[in-house]
Amino acid sequence: MDEQPPPAACTIAGSDSGGGAGIQADLKTFVALGVWGTTVITAVTAQNTRGVLGYTMVPEDTVLLQLEAVLADFDIRAIKTGMLGTAGMIRAVARHLPRGIPLVVDPVMVATSG
């Protein structure tokens, strides 16, 4: 009897070096819910429990390539967005999201503390 893989979800957000937000927090939530987590990283942040020291945006074309790679290989059942950073990134990601997959939007533009 073949075991079915867990359902897969994708988080499109920034990476939090402190592990308390962004991609890292989303992956922890996915695991707790029994979901296979995939990621599209939009920004790399330097932050901890005391604050945000800075962040660097991932180029739009790299973000879209990550999304293409994930969608080509996994049966994504849900997508969550977080830190998208710029209006241009929001538009680009929105244009490339497949229709019919449930979407959770966390309206984070940039990393903040607290």
PDB file of N, CA and C in Angstrom:
ATOM      1  N   MET A   1       0.850  -1.173   0.000  1.00  0.00           N
ATOM      2  CA  MET A   1       0.000   0.000   0.000  1.00  0.00           C
ATOM      3  C   MET A   1       0.895   1.235   0.000  1.00  0.00           C
ATOM      4  N   ASP A   2       0.739   2.041  -1.015  1.00  0.00           N
ATOM      5  CA  ASP A   2       1.548   3.250  -1.124  1.00  0.00           C
ATOM      6  C   ASP A   2       1.030   4.328  -0.189  1.00  0.00           C
ATOM      7  N   GLU A   3       1.970   4.927   0.529  1.00  0.00           N
ATOM      8  CA  GLU A   3       1.607   6.017   1.426  1.00  0.00           C
ATOM      9  C   GLU A   3       1.494   7.305   0.623  1.00  0.00           C
ATOM     10  N   GLN A   4       0.419   8.020   0.817  1.00  0.00           N
ATOM     11  CA  GLN A   4       0.207   9.289   0.131  1.00  0.00           C
ATOM     12  C   GLN A   4       1.109  10.355   0.737  1.00  0.00           C
ATOM     13  N   PRO A   5       1.712  11.183  -0.111  1.00  0.00           N
ATOM     14  CA  PRO A   5       2.502  12.290   0.446  1.00  0.00           C
ATOM     15  C   PRO A   5       1.575  13.295   1.120  1.00  0.00           C
ATOM     16  N   PRO A   6       2.093  14.035   2.082  1.00  0.00           N
ATOM     17  CA  PRO A   6       1.247  15.045   2.726  1.00  0.00           C
ATOM     18  C   PRO A   6       0.883  16.131   1.722  1.00  0.00           C
ATOM     19  N   PRO A   7      -0.221  16.836   1.968  1.00  0.00           N
ATOM     20  CA  PRO A   7      -0.550  17.953   1.081  1.00  0.00           C
ATOM     21  C   PRO A   7       0.562  18.997   1.135  1.00  0.00           C
ATOM     22  N   ALA A   8       0.744  19.715   0.041  1.00  0.00           N
ATOM     23  CA  ALA A   8       1.810  20.723  -0.028  1.00  0.00           C
ATOM     24  C   ALA A   8       1.220  22.126  -0.071  1.00  0.00           C
ATOM     25  N   ALA A   9       1.922  23.047   0.567  1.00  0.00           N
ATOM     26  CA  ALA A   9       1.562  24.463   0.537  1.00  0.00           C
ATOM     27  C   ALA A   9       2.822  25.257   0.229  1.00  0.00           C
ATOM     28  N   CYS A  10       2.632  26.470  -0.255  1.00  0.00           N
ATOM     29  CA  CYS A  10       3.760  27.331  -0.601  1.00  0.00           C
ATOM     30  C   CYS A  10       3.635  28.656   0.136  1.00  0.00           C
ATOM     31  N   THR A  11       4.709  29.085   0.745  1.00  0.00           N
ATOM     32  CA  THR A  11       4.755  30.407   1.349  1.00  0.00           C
ATOM     33  C   THR A  11       5.685  31.288   0.524  1.00  0.00           C
ATOM     34  N   ILE A  12       5.200  32.464   0.198  1.00  0.00           N
ATOM     35  CA  ILE A  12       5.951  33.442  -0.593  1.00  0.00           C
ATOM     36  C   ILE A  12       6.188  34.628   0.324  1.00  0.00           C
ATOM     37  N   ALA A  13       7.405  34.733   0.860  1.00  0.00           N
ATOM     38  CA  ALA A  13       7.642  35.730   1.906  1.00  0.00           C
ATOM     39  C   ALA A  13       9.134  35.927   2.135  1.00  0.00           C
ATOM     40  N   GLY A  14       9.435  36.787   3.096  1.00  0.00           N
ATOM     41  CA  GLY A  14      10.816  37.049   3.468  1.00  0.00           C
ATOM     42  C   GLY A  14      11.334  36.021   4.455  1.00  0.00           C
ATOM     43  N   SER A  15      12.648  35.893   4.495  1.00  0.00           N
ATOM     44  CA  SER A  15      13.318  34.996   5.429  1.00  0.00           C
ATOM     45  C   SER A  15      13.731  35.785   6.670  1.00  0.00           C
ATOM     46  N   ASP A  16      13.367  35.285   7.841  1.00  0.00           N
ATOM     47  CA  ASP A  16      13.661  35.944   9.117  1.00  0.00           C
ATOM     48  C   ASP A  16      14.811  35.224   9.809  1.00  0.00           C
ATOM     49  N   SER A  17      15.966  35.879   9.912  1.00  0.00           N
ATOM     50  CA  SER A  17      17.135  35.241  10.522  1.00  0.00           C
ATOM     51  C   SER A  17      16.904  34.850  11.979  1.00  0.00           C
ATOM     52  N   GLY A  18      15.965  35.492  12.646  1.00  0.00           N
ATOM     53  CA  GLY A  18      15.654  35.152  14.030  1.00  0.00           C
ATOM     54  C   GLY A  18      14.683  33.993  14.168  1.00  0.00           C
ATOM     55  N   GLY A  19      14.065  33.582  13.068  1.00  0.00           N
ATOM     56  CA  GLY A  19      13.177  32.428  13.072  1.00  0.00           C
ATOM     57  C   GLY A  19      11.781  32.657  13.600  1.00  0.00           C
ATOM     58  N   GLY A  20      11.440  33.888  13.958  1.00  0.00           N
ATOM     59  CA  GLY A  20      10.140  34.143  14.559  1.00  0.00           C
ATOM     60  C   GLY A  20       9.060  34.627  13.622  1.00  0.00           C
ATOM     61  N   ALA A  21       9.403  34.885  12.378  1.00  0.00           N
ATOM     62  CA  ALA A  21       8.427  35.410  11.422  1.00  0.00           C
ATOM     63  C   ALA A  21       8.787  34.901  10.028  1.00  0.00           C
ATOM     64  N   GLY A  22       8.040  35.370   9.057  1.00  0.00           N
ATOM     65  CA  GLY A  22       8.354  35.067   7.668  1.00  0.00           C
ATOM     66  C   GLY A  22       8.327  33.588   7.340  1.00  0.00           C
ATOM     67  N   ILE A  23       9.179  33.231   6.376  1.00  0.00           N
ATOM     68  CA  ILE A  23       9.258  31.860   5.881  1.00  0.00           C
ATOM     69  C   ILE A  23       9.428  30.857   7.027  1.00  0.00           C
ATOM     70  N   GLN A  24      10.306  31.177   7.965  1.00  0.00           N
ATOM     71  CA  GLN A  24      10.582  30.233   9.053  1.00  0.00           C
ATOM     72  C   GLN A  24       9.332  29.956   9.887  1.00  0.00           C
ATOM     73  N   ALA A  25       8.587  30.988  10.233  1.00  0.00           N
ATOM     74  CA  ALA A  25       7.366  30.801  11.020  1.00  0.00           C
ATOM     75  C   ALA A  25       6.317  30.041  10.214  1.00  0.00           C
ATOM     76  N   ASP A  26       6.220  30.358   8.919  1.00  0.00           N
ATOM     77  CA  ASP A  26       5.255  29.653   8.072  1.00  0.00           C
ATOM     78  C   ASP A  26       5.574  28.162   8.003  1.00  0.00           C
ATOM     79  N   LEU A  27       6.850  27.818   7.828  1.00  0.00           N
ATOM     80  CA  LEU A  27       7.229  26.404   7.752  1.00  0.00           C
ATOM     81  C   LEU A  27       6.918  25.672   9.054  1.00  0.00           C
ATOM     82  N   LYS A  28       7.135  26.330  10.193  1.00  0.00           N
ATOM     83  CA  LYS A  28       6.798  25.711  11.482  1.00  0.00           C
ATOM     84  C   LYS A  28       5.298  25.423  11.556  1.00  0.00           C
ATOM     85  N   THR A  29       4.502  26.362  11.075  1.00  0.00           N
ATOM     86  CA  THR A  29       3.048  26.183  11.069  1.00  0.00           C
ATOM     87  C   THR A  29       2.652  25.045  10.141  1.00  0.00           C
ATOM     88  N   PHE A  30       3.246  25.001   8.956  1.00  0.00           N
ATOM     89  CA  PHE A  30       2.941  23.924   8.009  1.00  0.00           C
ATOM     90  C   PHE A  30       3.227  22.560   8.640  1.00  0.00           C
ATOM     91  N   VAL A  31       4.389  22.422   9.268  1.00  0.00           N
ATOM     92  CA  VAL A  31       4.761  21.149   9.900  1.00  0.00           C
ATOM     93  C   VAL A  31       3.744  20.777  10.979  1.00  0.00           C
ATOM     94  N   ALA A  32       3.351  21.741  11.794  1.00  0.00           N
ATOM     95  CA  ALA A  32       2.385  21.482  12.868  1.00  0.00           C
ATOM     96  C   ALA A  32       1.045  21.000  12.316  1.00  0.00           C
ATOM     97  N   LEU A  33       0.729  21.415  11.088  1.00  0.00           N
ATOM     98  CA  LEU A  33      -0.535  21.030  10.461  1.00  0.00           C
ATOM     99  C   LEU A  33      -0.402  19.800   9.563  1.00  0.00           C
ATOM    100  N   GLY A  34       0.791  19.211   9.511  1.00  0.00           N
ATOM    101  CA  GLY A  34       0.996  18.030   8.685  1.00  0.00           C
ATOM    102  C   GLY A  34       1.085  18.328   7.204  1.00  0.00           C
ATOM    103  N   VAL A  35       1.534  19.525   6.868  1.00  0.00           N
ATOM    104  CA  VAL A  35       1.623  19.978   5.476  1.00  0.00           C
ATOM    105  C   VAL A  35       3.088  20.064   5.058  1.00  0.00           C
ATOM    106  N   TRP A  36       3.389  19.622   3.831  1.00  0.00           N
ATOM    107  CA  TRP A  36       4.736  19.759   3.262  1.00  0.00           C
ATOM    108  C   TRP A  36       4.904  21.210   2.837  1.00  0.00           C
ATOM    109  N   GLY A  37       5.897  21.882   3.363  1.00  0.00           N
ATOM    110  CA  GLY A  37       6.100  23.299   3.067  1.00  0.00           C
ATOM    111  C   GLY A  37       7.097  23.531   1.954  1.00  0.00           C
ATOM    112  N   THR A  38       6.722  24.382   1.018  1.00  0.00           N
ATOM    113  CA  THR A  38       7.640  24.853  -0.015  1.00  0.00           C
ATOM    114  C   THR A  38       7.756  26.363   0.136  1.00  0.00           C
ATOM    115  N   THR A  39       8.856  26.920  -0.388  1.00  0.00           N
ATOM    116  CA  THR A  39       9.087  28.347  -0.166  1.00  0.00           C
ATOM    117  C   THR A  39       9.504  29.078  -1.427  1.00  0.00           C
ATOM    118  N   VAL A  40       9.107  30.329  -1.466  1.00  0.00           N
ATOM    119  CA  VAL A  40       9.594  31.300  -2.442  1.00  0.00           C
ATOM    120  C   VAL A  40      10.065  32.486  -1.608  1.00  0.00           C
ATOM    121  N   ILE A  41      11.367  32.704  -1.570  1.00  0.00           N
ATOM    122  CA  ILE A  41      11.923  33.747  -0.706  1.00  0.00           C
ATOM    123  C   ILE A  41      11.990  35.067  -1.466  1.00  0.00           C
ATOM    124  N   THR A  42      11.357  36.090  -0.899  1.00  0.00           N
ATOM    125  CA  THR A  42      11.290  37.412  -1.532  1.00  0.00           C
ATOM    126  C   THR A  42      12.313  38.388  -0.974  1.00  0.00           C
ATOM    127  N   ALA A  43      12.777  38.121   0.241  1.00  0.00           N
ATOM    128  CA  ALA A  43      13.730  39.022   0.896  1.00  0.00           C
ATOM    129  C   ALA A  43      14.502  38.237   1.944  1.00  0.00           C
ATOM    130  N   VAL A  44      15.698  38.698   2.224  1.00  0.00           N
ATOM    131  CA  VAL A  44      16.497  38.130   3.305  1.00  0.00           C
ATOM    132  C   VAL A  44      16.639  39.226   4.349  1.00  0.00           C
ATOM    133  N   THR A  45      16.167  38.950   5.558  1.00  0.00           N
ATOM    134  CA  THR A  45      16.216  39.960   6.606  1.00  0.00           C
ATOM    135  C   THR A  45      17.286  39.626   7.631  1.00  0.00           C
ATOM    136  N   ALA A  46      17.808  40.667   8.242  1.00  0.00           N
ATOM    137  CA  ALA A  46      18.708  40.538   9.388  1.00  0.00           C
ATOM    138  C   ALA A  46      17.907  41.030  10.582  1.00  0.00           C
ATOM    139  N   GLN A  47      17.368  40.101  11.354  1.00  0.00           N
ATOM    140  CA  GLN A  47      16.534  40.496  12.481  1.00  0.00           C
ATOM    141  C   GLN A  47      16.629  39.464  13.584  1.00  0.00           C
ATOM    142  N   ASN A  48      16.213  39.906  14.757  1.00  0.00           N
ATOM    143  CA  ASN A  48      16.173  39.037  15.921  1.00  0.00           C
ATOM    144  C   ASN A  48      15.016  39.495  16.789  1.00  0.00           C
ATOM    145  N   THR A  49      14.980  39.057  18.031  1.00  0.00           N
ATOM    146  CA  THR A  49      13.865  39.430  18.900  1.00  0.00           C
ATOM    147  C   THR A  49      13.888  40.907  19.283  1.00  0.00           C
ATOM    148  N   ARG A  50      15.001  41.571  19.065  1.00  0.00           N
ATOM    149  CA  ARG A  50      15.121  42.989  19.435  1.00  0.00           C
ATOM    150  C   ARG A  50      14.788  43.951  18.303  1.00  0.00           C
ATOM    151  N   GLY A  51      14.841  43.471  17.075  1.00  0.00           N
ATOM    152  CA  GLY A  51      14.521  44.378  15.981  1.00  0.00           C
ATOM    153  C   GLY A  51      15.076  43.931  14.643  1.00  0.00           C
ATOM    154  N   VAL A  52      14.815  44.767  13.656  1.00  0.00           N
ATOM    155  CA  VAL A  52      15.265  44.516  12.289  1.00  0.00           C
ATOM    156  C   VAL A  52      16.485  45.386  12.023  1.00  0.00           C
ATOM    157  N   LEU A  53      17.588  44.747  11.657  1.00  0.00           N
ATOM    158  CA  LEU A  53      18.812  45.483  11.347  1.00  0.00           C
ATOM    159  C   LEU A  53      18.860  45.892   9.880  1.00  0.00           C
ATOM    160  N   GLY A  54      18.179  45.155   9.043  1.00  0.00           N
ATOM    161  CA  GLY A  54      18.142  45.473   7.620  1.00  0.00           C
ATOM    162  C   GLY A  54      17.582  44.315   6.825  1.00  0.00           C
ATOM    163  N   TYR A  55      17.388  44.556   5.540  1.00  0.00           N
ATOM    164  CA  TYR A  55      16.918  43.490   4.663  1.00  0.00           C
ATOM    165  C   TYR A  55      17.351  43.780   3.234  1.00  0.00           C
ATOM    166  N   THR A  56      17.414  42.724   2.441  1.00  0.00           N
ATOM    167  CA  THR A  56      17.739  42.823   1.027  1.00  0.00           C
ATOM    168  C   THR A  56      16.661  42.095   0.250  1.00  0.00           C
ATOM    169  N   MET A  57      16.095  42.758  -0.735  1.00  0.00           N
ATOM    170  CA  MET A  57      15.079  42.138  -1.572  1.00  0.00           C
ATOM    171  C   MET A  57      15.736  41.183  -2.566  1.00  0.00           C
ATOM    172  N   VAL A  58      15.080  40.080  -2.821  1.00  0.00           N
ATOM    173  CA  VAL A  58      15.505  39.141  -3.860  1.00  0.00           C
ATOM    174  C   VAL A  58      14.988  39.694  -5.186  1.00  0.00           C
ATOM    175  N   PRO A  59      15.793  39.666  -6.241  1.00  0.00           N
ATOM    176  CA  PRO A  59      15.327  40.195  -7.524  1.00  0.00           C
ATOM    177  C   PRO A  59      14.037  39.505  -7.994  1.00  0.00           C
ATOM    178  N   GLU A  60      13.170  40.296  -8.607  1.00  0.00           N
ATOM    179  CA  GLU A  60      11.864  39.816  -9.046  1.00  0.00           C
ATOM    180  C   GLU A  60      11.973  38.566  -9.926  1.00  0.00           C
ATOM    181  N   ASP A  61      12.921  38.559 -10.866  1.00  0.00           N
ATOM    182  CA  ASP A  61      13.035  37.396 -11.754  1.00  0.00           C
ATOM    183  C   ASP A  61      13.421  36.134 -10.980  1.00  0.00           C
ATOM    184  N   THR A  62      14.208  36.272  -9.937  1.00  0.00           N
ATOM    185  CA  THR A  62      14.578  35.123  -9.108  1.00  0.00           C
ATOM    186  C   THR A  62      13.382  34.625  -8.307  1.00  0.00           C
ATOM    187  N   VAL A  63      12.576  35.544  -7.812  1.00  0.00           N
ATOM    188  CA  VAL A  63      11.354  35.167  -7.091  1.00  0.00           C
ATOM    189  C   VAL A  63      10.438  34.371  -8.016  1.00  0.00           C
ATOM    190  N   LEU A  64      10.259  34.859  -9.233  1.00  0.00           N
ATOM    191  CA  LEU A  64       9.371  34.174 -10.169  1.00  0.00           C
ATOM    192  C   LEU A  64       9.922  32.813 -10.586  1.00  0.00           C
ATOM    193  N   LEU A  65      11.239  32.683 -10.702  1.00  0.00           N
ATOM    194  CA  LEU A  65      11.836  31.379 -11.004  1.00  0.00           C
ATOM    195  C   LEU A  65      11.602  30.386  -9.864  1.00  0.00           C
ATOM    196  N   GLN A  66      11.705  30.860  -8.620  1.00  0.00           N
ATOM    197  CA  GLN A  66      11.418  29.992  -7.473  1.00  0.00           C
ATOM    198  C   GLN A  66       9.975  29.501  -7.531  1.00  0.00           C
ATOM    199  N   LEU A  67       9.051  30.428  -7.819  1.00  0.00           N
ATOM    200  CA  LEU A  67       7.632  30.076  -7.894  1.00  0.00           C
ATOM    201  C   LEU A  67       7.399  29.056  -9.007  1.00  0.00           C
ATOM    202  N   GLU A  68       8.012  29.282 -10.156  1.00  0.00           N
ATOM    203  CA  GLU A  68       7.887  28.350 -11.280  1.00  0.00           C
ATOM    204  C   GLU A  68       8.402  26.960 -10.891  1.00  0.00           C
ATOM    205  N   ALA A  69       9.538  26.913 -10.217  1.00  0.00           N
ATOM    206  CA  ALA A  69      10.123  25.630  -9.809  1.00  0.00           C
ATOM    207  C   ALA A  69       9.201  24.869  -8.861  1.00  0.00           C
ATOM    208  N   VAL A  70       8.649  25.570  -7.888  1.00  0.00           N
ATOM    209  CA  VAL A  70       7.760  24.933  -6.912  1.00  0.00           C
ATOM    210  C   VAL A  70       6.495  24.424  -7.596  1.00  0.00           C
ATOM    211  N   LEU A  71       5.873  25.268  -8.407  1.00  0.00           N
ATOM    212  CA  LEU A  71       4.612  24.886  -9.045  1.00  0.00           C
ATOM    213  C   LEU A  71       4.789  23.748 -10.046  1.00  0.00           C
ATOM    214  N   ALA A  72       5.969  23.641 -10.651  1.00  0.00           N
ATOM    215  CA  ALA A  72       6.219  22.587 -11.638  1.00  0.00           C
ATOM    216  C   ALA A  72       6.402  21.215 -11.001  1.00  0.00           C
ATOM    217  N   ASP A  73       6.739  21.169  -9.726  1.00  0.00           N
ATOM    218  CA  ASP A  73       7.108  19.897  -9.108  1.00  0.00           C
ATOM    219  C   ASP A  73       6.186  19.433  -7.988  1.00  0.00           C
ATOM    220  N   PHE A  74       5.405  20.323  -7.417  1.00  0.00           N
ATOM    221  CA  PHE A  74       4.582  19.978  -6.266  1.00  0.00           C
ATOM    222  C   PHE A  74       3.109  20.245  -6.557  1.00  0.00           C
ATOM    223  N   ASP A  75       2.257  19.415  -5.968  1.00  0.00           N
ATOM    224  CA  ASP A  75       0.812  19.608  -6.064  1.00  0.00           C
ATOM    225  C   ASP A  75       0.406  20.579  -4.949  1.00  0.00           C
ATOM    226  N   ILE A  76       0.576  21.857  -5.221  1.00  0.00           N
ATOM    227  CA  ILE A  76       0.327  22.893  -4.212  1.00  0.00           C
ATOM    228  C   ILE A  76      -1.173  23.030  -3.982  1.00  0.00           C
ATOM    229  N   ARG A  77      -1.575  22.896  -2.712  1.00  0.00           N
ATOM    230  CA  ARG A  77      -2.987  22.972  -2.346  1.00  0.00           C
ATOM    231  C   ARG A  77      -3.380  24.309  -1.740  1.00  0.00           C
ATOM    232  N   ALA A  78      -2.375  25.109  -1.338  1.00  0.00           N
ATOM    233  CA  ALA A  78      -2.643  26.433  -0.769  1.00  0.00           C
ATOM    234  C   ALA A  78      -1.374  27.269  -0.885  1.00  0.00           C
ATOM    235  N   ILE A  79      -1.576  28.579  -0.996  1.00  0.00           N
ATOM    236  CA  ILE A  79      -0.463  29.523  -1.075  1.00  0.00           C
ATOM    237  C   ILE A  79      -0.689  30.612  -0.043  1.00  0.00           C
ATOM    238  N   LYS A  80       0.389  31.005   0.636  1.00  0.00           N
ATOM    239  CA  LYS A  80       0.342  32.118   1.583  1.00  0.00           C
ATOM    240  C   LYS A  80       1.395  33.128   1.177  1.00  0.00           C
ATOM    241  N   THR A  81       1.017  34.387   1.163  1.00  0.00           N
ATOM    242  CA  THR A  81       2.004  35.435   0.910  1.00  0.00           C
ATOM    243  C   THR A  81       2.258  36.209   2.191  1.00  0.00           C
ATOM    244  N   GLY A  82       3.489  36.685   2.306  1.00  0.00           N
ATOM    245  CA  GLY A  82       3.890  37.529   3.422  1.00  0.00           C
ATOM    246  C   GLY A  82       4.585  38.748   2.872  1.00  0.00           C
ATOM    247  N   MET A  83       5.808  38.987   3.318  1.00  0.00           N
ATOM    248  CA  MET A  83       6.563  40.174   2.903  1.00  0.00           C
ATOM    249  C   MET A  83       6.879  40.123   1.404  1.00  0.00           C
ATOM    250  N   LEU A  84       6.213  40.984   0.648  1.00  0.00           N
ATOM    251  CA  LEU A  84       6.484  41.087  -0.782  1.00  0.00           C
ATOM    252  C   LEU A  84       7.329  42.316  -1.100  1.00  0.00           C
ATOM    253  N   GLY A  85       7.338  43.290  -0.230  1.00  0.00           N
ATOM    254  CA  GLY A  85       8.324  44.368  -0.292  1.00  0.00           C
ATOM    255  C   GLY A  85       8.023  45.569  -1.147  1.00  0.00           C
ATOM    256  N   THR A  86       7.539  45.343  -2.363  1.00  0.00           N
ATOM    257  CA  THR A  86       7.278  46.471  -3.264  1.00  0.00           C
ATOM    258  C   THR A  86       5.985  46.223  -4.030  1.00  0.00           C
ATOM    259  N   ALA A  87       5.412  47.300  -4.536  1.00  0.00           N
ATOM    260  CA  ALA A  87       4.207  47.175  -5.359  1.00  0.00           C
ATOM    261  C   ALA A  87       4.499  46.351  -6.612  1.00  0.00           C
ATOM    262  N   GLY A  88       5.693  46.530  -7.176  1.00  0.00           N
ATOM    263  CA  GLY A  88       6.075  45.762  -8.357  1.00  0.00           C
ATOM    264  C   GLY A  88       6.129  44.268  -8.078  1.00  0.00           C
ATOM    265  N   MET A  89       6.657  43.904  -6.919  1.00  0.00           N
ATOM    266  CA  MET A  89       6.733  42.489  -6.545  1.00  0.00           C
ATOM    267  C   MET A  89       5.329  41.925  -6.340  1.00  0.00           C
ATOM    268  N   ILE A  90       4.465  42.709  -5.707  1.00  0.00           N
ATOM    269  CA  ILE A  90       3.083  42.263  -5.502  1.00  0.00           C
ATOM    270  C   ILE A  90       2.432  41.978  -6.848  1.00  0.00           C
ATOM    271  N   ARG A  91       2.572  42.898  -7.795  1.00  0.00           N
ATOM    272  CA  ARG A  91       1.974  42.711  -9.124  1.00  0.00           C
ATOM    273  C   ARG A  91       2.556  41.491  -9.833  1.00  0.00           C
ATOM    274  N   ALA A  92       3.872  41.340  -9.781  1.00  0.00           N
ATOM    275  CA  ALA A  92       4.526  40.215 -10.464  1.00  0.00           C
ATOM    276  C   ALA A  92       4.061  38.879  -9.891  1.00  0.00           C
ATOM    277  N   VAL A  93       4.045  38.772  -8.573  1.00  0.00           N
ATOM    278  CA  VAL A  93       3.612  37.523  -7.941  1.00  0.00           C
ATOM    279  C   VAL A  93       2.146  37.259  -8.274  1.00  0.00           C
ATOM    280  N   ALA A  94       1.304  38.283  -8.174  1.00  0.00           N
ATOM    281  CA  ALA A  94      -0.125  38.116  -8.457  1.00  0.00           C
ATOM    282  C   ALA A  94      -0.356  37.616  -9.880  1.00  0.00           C
ATOM    283  N   ARG A  95       0.406  38.123 -10.832  1.00  0.00           N
ATOM    284  CA  ARG A  95       0.260  37.699 -12.237  1.00  0.00           C
ATOM    285  C   ARG A  95       0.624  36.230 -12.438  1.00  0.00           C
ATOM    286  N   HIS A  96       1.475  35.699 -11.595  1.00  0.00           N
ATOM    287  CA  HIS A  96       1.970  34.335 -11.782  1.00  0.00           C
ATOM    288  C   HIS A  96       1.334  33.299 -10.854  1.00  0.00           C
ATOM    289  N   LEU A  97       0.416  33.722 -10.005  1.00  0.00           N
ATOM    290  CA  LEU A  97      -0.254  32.757  -9.132  1.00  0.00           C
ATOM    291  C   LEU A  97      -1.291  31.979  -9.932  1.00  0.00           C
ATOM    292  N   PRO A  98      -1.313  30.671  -9.775  1.00  0.00           N
ATOM    293  CA  PRO A  98      -2.313  29.888 -10.494  1.00  0.00           C
ATOM    294  C   PRO A  98      -3.713  30.140  -9.938  1.00  0.00           C
ATOM    295  N   ARG A  99      -4.676  30.093 -10.790  1.00  0.00           N
ATOM    296  CA  ARG A  99      -6.071  30.276 -10.368  1.00  0.00           C
ATOM    297  C   ARG A  99      -6.571  28.991  -9.715  1.00  0.00           C
ATOM    298  N   GLY A 100      -7.503  29.144  -8.797  1.00  0.00           N
ATOM    299  CA  GLY A 100      -8.144  27.987  -8.194  1.00  0.00           C
ATOM    300  C   GLY A 100      -7.462  27.421  -6.962  1.00  0.00           C
ATOM    301  N   ILE A 101      -6.305  27.948  -6.602  1.00  0.00           N
ATOM    302  CA  ILE A 101      -5.623  27.492  -5.388  1.00  0.00           C
ATOM    303  C   ILE A 101      -5.931  28.493  -4.277  1.00  0.00           C
ATOM    304  N   PRO A 102      -6.407  28.030  -3.129  1.00  0.00           N
ATOM    305  CA  PRO A 102      -6.691  28.963  -2.030  1.00  0.00           C
ATOM    306  C   PRO A 102      -5.462  29.811  -1.687  1.00  0.00           C
ATOM    307  N   LEU A 103      -5.721  31.092  -1.437  1.00  0.00           N
ATOM    308  CA  LEU A 103      -4.656  32.059  -1.165  1.00  0.00           C
ATOM    309  C   LEU A 103      -4.913  32.757   0.159  1.00  0.00           C
ATOM    310  N   VAL A 104      -3.903  32.766   1.023  1.00  0.00           N
ATOM    311  CA  VAL A 104      -3.942  33.522   2.275  1.00  0.00           C
ATOM    312  C   VAL A 104      -2.972  34.681   2.112  1.00  0.00           C
ATOM    313  N   VAL A 105      -3.465  35.898   2.284  1.00  0.00           N
ATOM    314  CA  VAL A 105      -2.635  37.094   2.118  1.00  0.00           C
ATOM    315  C   VAL A 105      -2.384  37.727   3.477  1.00  0.00           C
ATOM    316  N   ASP A 106      -1.120  37.743   3.878  1.00  0.00           N
ATOM    317  CA  ASP A 106      -0.688  38.475   5.066  1.00  0.00           C
ATOM    318  C   ASP A 106      -0.089  39.765   4.514  1.00  0.00           C
ATOM    319  N   PRO A 107      -0.749  40.896   4.697  1.00  0.00           N
ATOM    320  CA  PRO A 107      -0.344  42.132   4.005  1.00  0.00           C
ATOM    321  C   PRO A 107       0.913  42.795   4.577  1.00  0.00           C
ATOM    322  N   VAL A 108       2.018  42.054   4.554  1.00  0.00           N
ATOM    323  CA  VAL A 108       3.294  42.580   5.039  1.00  0.00           C
ATOM    324  C   VAL A 108       4.056  43.147   3.849  1.00  0.00           C
ATOM    325  N   MET A 109       4.432  44.417   3.929  1.00  0.00           N
ATOM    326  CA  MET A 109       5.251  45.003   2.863  1.00  0.00           C
ATOM    327  C   MET A 109       6.729  44.887   3.206  1.00  0.00           C
ATOM    328  N   VAL A 110       7.094  45.224   4.452  1.00  0.00           N
ATOM    329  CA  VAL A 110       8.494  45.173   4.880  1.00  0.00           C
ATOM    330  C   VAL A 110       8.572  44.613   6.294  1.00  0.00           C
ATOM    331  N   ALA A 111       9.746  44.124   6.661  1.00  0.00           N
ATOM    332  CA  ALA A 111       9.955  43.568   7.999  1.00  0.00           C
ATOM    333  C   ALA A 111       9.961  44.684   9.037  1.00  0.00           C
ATOM    334  N   THR A 112       9.297  44.419  10.158  1.00  0.00           N
ATOM    335  CA  THR A 112       9.305  45.356  11.284  1.00  0.00           C
ATOM    336  C   THR A 112       9.493  44.559  12.567  1.00  0.00           C
ATOM    337  N   SER A 113       9.889  45.228  13.605  1.00  0.00           N
ATOM    338  CA  SER A 113       9.992  44.551  14.901  1.00  0.00           C
ATOM    339  C   SER A 113       8.692  44.739  15.653  1.00  0.00           C
ATOM    340  N   GLY A 114       8.343  43.713  16.454  1.00  0.00           N
ATOM    341  CA  GLY A 114       7.146  43.794  17.273  1.00  0.00           C
ATOM    342  C   GLY A 114       5.984  43.490  16.521  1.00  0.00           C
TER     343      GLY A 114
END
